[in-house]
């Protein structure tokens, strides 16, 4: 009888932890309509990029992904690559963000001919600022979240989907088209 209680207790704790992890995936991401936090970050060319440099001039797309050269992340980056010219035509600057270092980003960009810059967020400060760390940073892999920030610095899209990489791109394109009409 005691063994059954332990099993039930452990199963209950496991189920509760799983529920917290699933719910947490939606928590923390910045809200559509809120001001995007400014940032300064190093891109794969070595230069510093700031959100403030784009306010008033261009929309910004930030897509956070877990790791260079993994299947899902490569698929996501290549989906953005394939629509890059269209994104530029909709007055958007595109940046991929992961915790990989600059050398990894250089190889990743060269291998897959990525025409956009990758931000090296090795200290996870940008991921923390934009609310994409899993379990508040206990799990060091960022969530797959894409933000569209308009020319006024307002978040117009906060897309979170771990499995459909193409959905991120479709959602971004729809928001950018709407912004063109405003």
Protein backbone atom coordinates (compact mmCIF):
# COMPACT_ATOMS: atom_id res chain seq x y z
CA UNK A 1 0.00 0.00 0.00
CA UNK A 2 2.83 2.40 0.86
CA UNK A 3 4.43 1.80 -2.56
CA UNK A 4 1.21 2.84 -4.33
CA UNK A 5 1.13 6.11 -2.38
CA UNK A 6 4.69 6.90 -3.38
CA UNK A 7 3.91 6.15 -7.03
CA UNK A 8 0.78 8.32 -6.93
CA UNK A 9 2.67 11.11 -5.17
CA UNK A 10 5.54 11.00 -7.68
CA UNK A 11 3.09 10.87 -10.61
CA UNK A 12 1.21 13.85 -9.19
CA UNK A 13 4.40 15.88 -8.77
CA UNK A 14 5.46 14.94 -12.31
CA UNK A 15 2.10 15.95 -13.76
CA UNK A 16 2.16 19.26 -11.88
CA UNK A 17 5.70 19.99 -13.11
CA UNK A 18 4.70 19.16 -16.68
CA UNK A 19 1.70 21.50 -16.40
CA UNK A 20 3.91 24.33 -15.11
CA UNK A 21 6.37 23.82 -17.98
CA UNK A 22 3.60 23.82 -20.59
CA UNK A 23 1.92 26.91 -19.13
CA UNK A 24 5.24 28.69 -18.71
CA UNK A 25 5.85 28.43 -22.44
CA UNK A 26 3.25 31.18 -22.89
CA UNK A 27 4.28 33.20 -19.84
CA UNK A 28 6.94 35.84 -20.00
CA UNK A 29 6.74 36.75 -23.66
CA UNK A 30 6.17 40.42 -24.24
CA UNK A 31 2.66 41.52 -25.09
CA UNK A 32 1.47 42.78 -28.44
CA UNK A 33 0.86 46.53 -28.13
CA UNK A 34 3.60 47.10 -25.59
CA UNK A 35 6.79 49.05 -26.22
CA UNK A 36 9.69 46.83 -27.23
CA UNK A 37 12.66 47.10 -24.88
CA UNK A 38 15.66 48.75 -26.47
CA UNK A 39 18.76 46.62 -26.78
CA UNK A 40 22.32 46.74 -27.98
CA UNK A 41 23.70 43.44 -29.26
CA UNK A 42 26.62 42.11 -31.28
CA UNK A 43 25.78 40.64 -34.70
CA UNK A 44 27.78 38.05 -36.61
CA UNK A 45 29.69 40.78 -38.45
CA UNK A 46 31.07 41.98 -35.11
CA UNK A 47 29.23 45.29 -35.07
CA UNK A 48 26.71 46.44 -32.48
CA UNK A 49 23.05 46.73 -33.48
CA UNK A 50 20.52 48.72 -31.45
CA UNK A 51 16.76 48.71 -31.70
CA UNK A 52 16.86 52.50 -31.33
CA UNK A 53 18.70 52.69 -34.68
CA UNK A 54 15.56 51.42 -36.42
CA UNK A 55 12.83 53.31 -34.58
CA UNK A 56 11.26 55.81 -36.95
CA UNK A 57 12.89 54.18 -39.98
CA UNK A 58 12.13 50.48 -40.28
CA UNK A 59 10.17 47.59 -38.78
CA UNK A 60 12.28 44.99 -36.97
CA UNK A 61 11.76 41.24 -36.89
CA UNK A 62 13.56 39.38 -34.10
CA UNK A 63 13.32 35.62 -34.22
CA UNK A 64 14.68 33.73 -31.23
CA UNK A 65 15.75 30.15 -31.82
CA UNK A 66 17.48 27.55 -29.64
CA UNK A 67 20.68 26.60 -31.49
CA UNK A 68 22.60 26.92 -34.75
CA UNK A 69 22.73 23.82 -36.98
CA UNK A 70 19.84 21.95 -35.34
CA UNK A 71 17.07 20.66 -37.58
CA UNK A 72 14.24 22.95 -36.48
CA UNK A 73 16.42 26.04 -36.19
CA UNK A 74 17.95 25.47 -39.61
CA UNK A 75 14.48 25.04 -41.07
CA UNK A 76 13.31 28.26 -39.41
CA UNK A 77 16.34 30.27 -40.53
CA UNK A 78 16.04 28.96 -44.10
CA UNK A 79 12.33 29.81 -44.16
CA UNK A 80 13.22 33.40 -43.31
CA UNK A 81 16.07 33.30 -45.86
CA UNK A 82 13.67 32.22 -48.59
CA UNK A 83 11.37 35.18 -47.87
CA UNK A 84 14.12 37.69 -47.09
CA UNK A 85 13.70 39.88 -50.17
CA UNK A 86 9.96 40.07 -49.58
CA UNK A 87 10.60 41.04 -45.94
CA UNK A 88 12.96 43.80 -47.05
CA UNK A 89 10.35 44.98 -49.52
CA UNK A 90 7.97 45.35 -46.58
CA UNK A 91 10.47 47.68 -44.87
CA UNK A 92 11.70 45.17 -42.29
CA UNK A 93 15.11 44.46 -40.83
CA UNK A 94 15.49 40.80 -39.82
CA UNK A 95 17.66 39.41 -37.03
CA UNK A 96 17.98 35.86 -35.74
CA UNK A 97 18.89 35.52 -32.05
CA UNK A 98 20.40 32.56 -30.22
CA UNK A 99 22.92 31.90 -27.48
CA UNK A 100 25.52 30.68 -29.95
CA UNK A 101 28.81 32.54 -30.27
CA UNK A 102 29.88 34.71 -33.17
CA UNK A 103 31.99 31.99 -34.81
CA UNK A 104 29.08 29.53 -34.80
CA UNK A 105 26.85 32.23 -36.28
CA UNK A 106 29.40 32.97 -39.03
CA UNK A 107 29.54 29.28 -40.00
CA UNK A 108 25.74 28.89 -39.77
CA UNK A 109 25.15 31.96 -41.95
CA UNK A 110 27.77 30.86 -44.51
CA UNK A 111 26.59 27.24 -44.65
CA UNK A 112 22.96 28.17 -45.28
CA UNK A 113 23.57 31.45 -47.17
CA UNK A 114 21.63 33.51 -44.65
CA UNK A 115 21.38 37.10 -45.93
CA UNK A 116 20.40 38.55 -42.54
CA UNK A 117 22.38 39.13 -39.36
CA UNK A 118 22.46 36.80 -36.39
CA UNK A 119 22.70 38.18 -32.87
CA UNK A 120 25.02 36.36 -30.50
CA UNK A 121 23.26 36.36 -27.12
CA UNK A 122 25.75 34.23 -25.20
CA UNK A 123 24.85 35.77 -21.83
CA UNK A 124 21.12 35.36 -22.61
CA UNK A 125 20.47 39.01 -21.69
CA UNK A 126 18.40 39.68 -24.82
CA UNK A 127 16.44 36.44 -24.34
CA UNK A 128 15.80 37.44 -20.72
CA UNK A 129 14.74 40.98 -21.70
CA UNK A 130 12.33 39.64 -24.33
CA UNK A 131 10.91 36.94 -22.05
CA UNK A 132 11.94 33.90 -24.05
CA UNK A 133 13.95 31.97 -21.46
CA UNK A 134 12.43 28.66 -20.39
CA UNK A 135 11.47 28.46 -16.72
CA UNK A 136 13.04 31.84 -16.06
CA UNK A 137 16.41 30.63 -17.28
CA UNK A 138 16.58 27.33 -15.38
CA UNK A 139 16.63 25.65 -18.79
CA UNK A 140 19.24 27.56 -20.83
CA UNK A 141 17.53 27.00 -24.19
CA UNK A 142 15.36 29.89 -25.39
CA UNK A 143 11.81 29.39 -26.60
CA UNK A 144 11.15 29.73 -30.32
CA UNK A 145 9.53 33.18 -30.37
CA UNK A 146 9.34 35.75 -33.15
CA UNK A 147 8.60 39.42 -32.57
CA UNK A 148 7.62 42.07 -35.09
CA UNK A 149 8.38 45.55 -33.82
CA UNK A 150 6.95 48.42 -35.83
CA UNK A 151 8.70 51.69 -36.70
CA UNK A 152 7.31 53.27 -33.53
CA UNK A 153 8.96 50.61 -31.38
CA UNK A 154 5.69 48.83 -30.59
CA UNK A 155 5.41 45.03 -30.59
CA UNK A 156 2.90 44.04 -33.25
CA UNK A 157 3.46 40.26 -33.17
CA UNK A 158 4.71 37.82 -30.54
CA UNK A 159 4.56 34.43 -32.26
CA UNK A 160 5.41 31.32 -30.29
CA UNK A 161 5.36 27.96 -31.99
CA UNK A 162 7.94 25.27 -31.31
CA UNK A 163 6.96 22.95 -34.14
CA UNK A 164 5.80 24.96 -37.16
CA UNK A 165 8.75 27.01 -38.32
CA UNK A 166 6.93 28.17 -41.46
CA UNK A 167 4.10 29.54 -39.31
CA UNK A 168 6.49 32.12 -37.85
CA UNK A 169 7.28 33.40 -41.33
CA UNK A 170 3.64 33.44 -42.46
CA UNK A 171 2.58 35.34 -39.34
CA UNK A 172 5.41 37.86 -39.79
CA UNK A 173 4.51 38.45 -43.44
CA UNK A 174 0.83 39.01 -42.58
CA UNK A 175 1.69 41.58 -39.89
CA UNK A 176 4.18 43.39 -42.11
CA UNK A 177 1.60 43.62 -44.91
CA UNK A 178 -0.92 45.11 -42.47
CA UNK A 179 1.66 47.64 -41.34
CA UNK A 180 2.18 48.69 -44.97
CA UNK A 181 -1.53 49.48 -45.20
CA UNK A 182 -1.56 51.67 -42.07
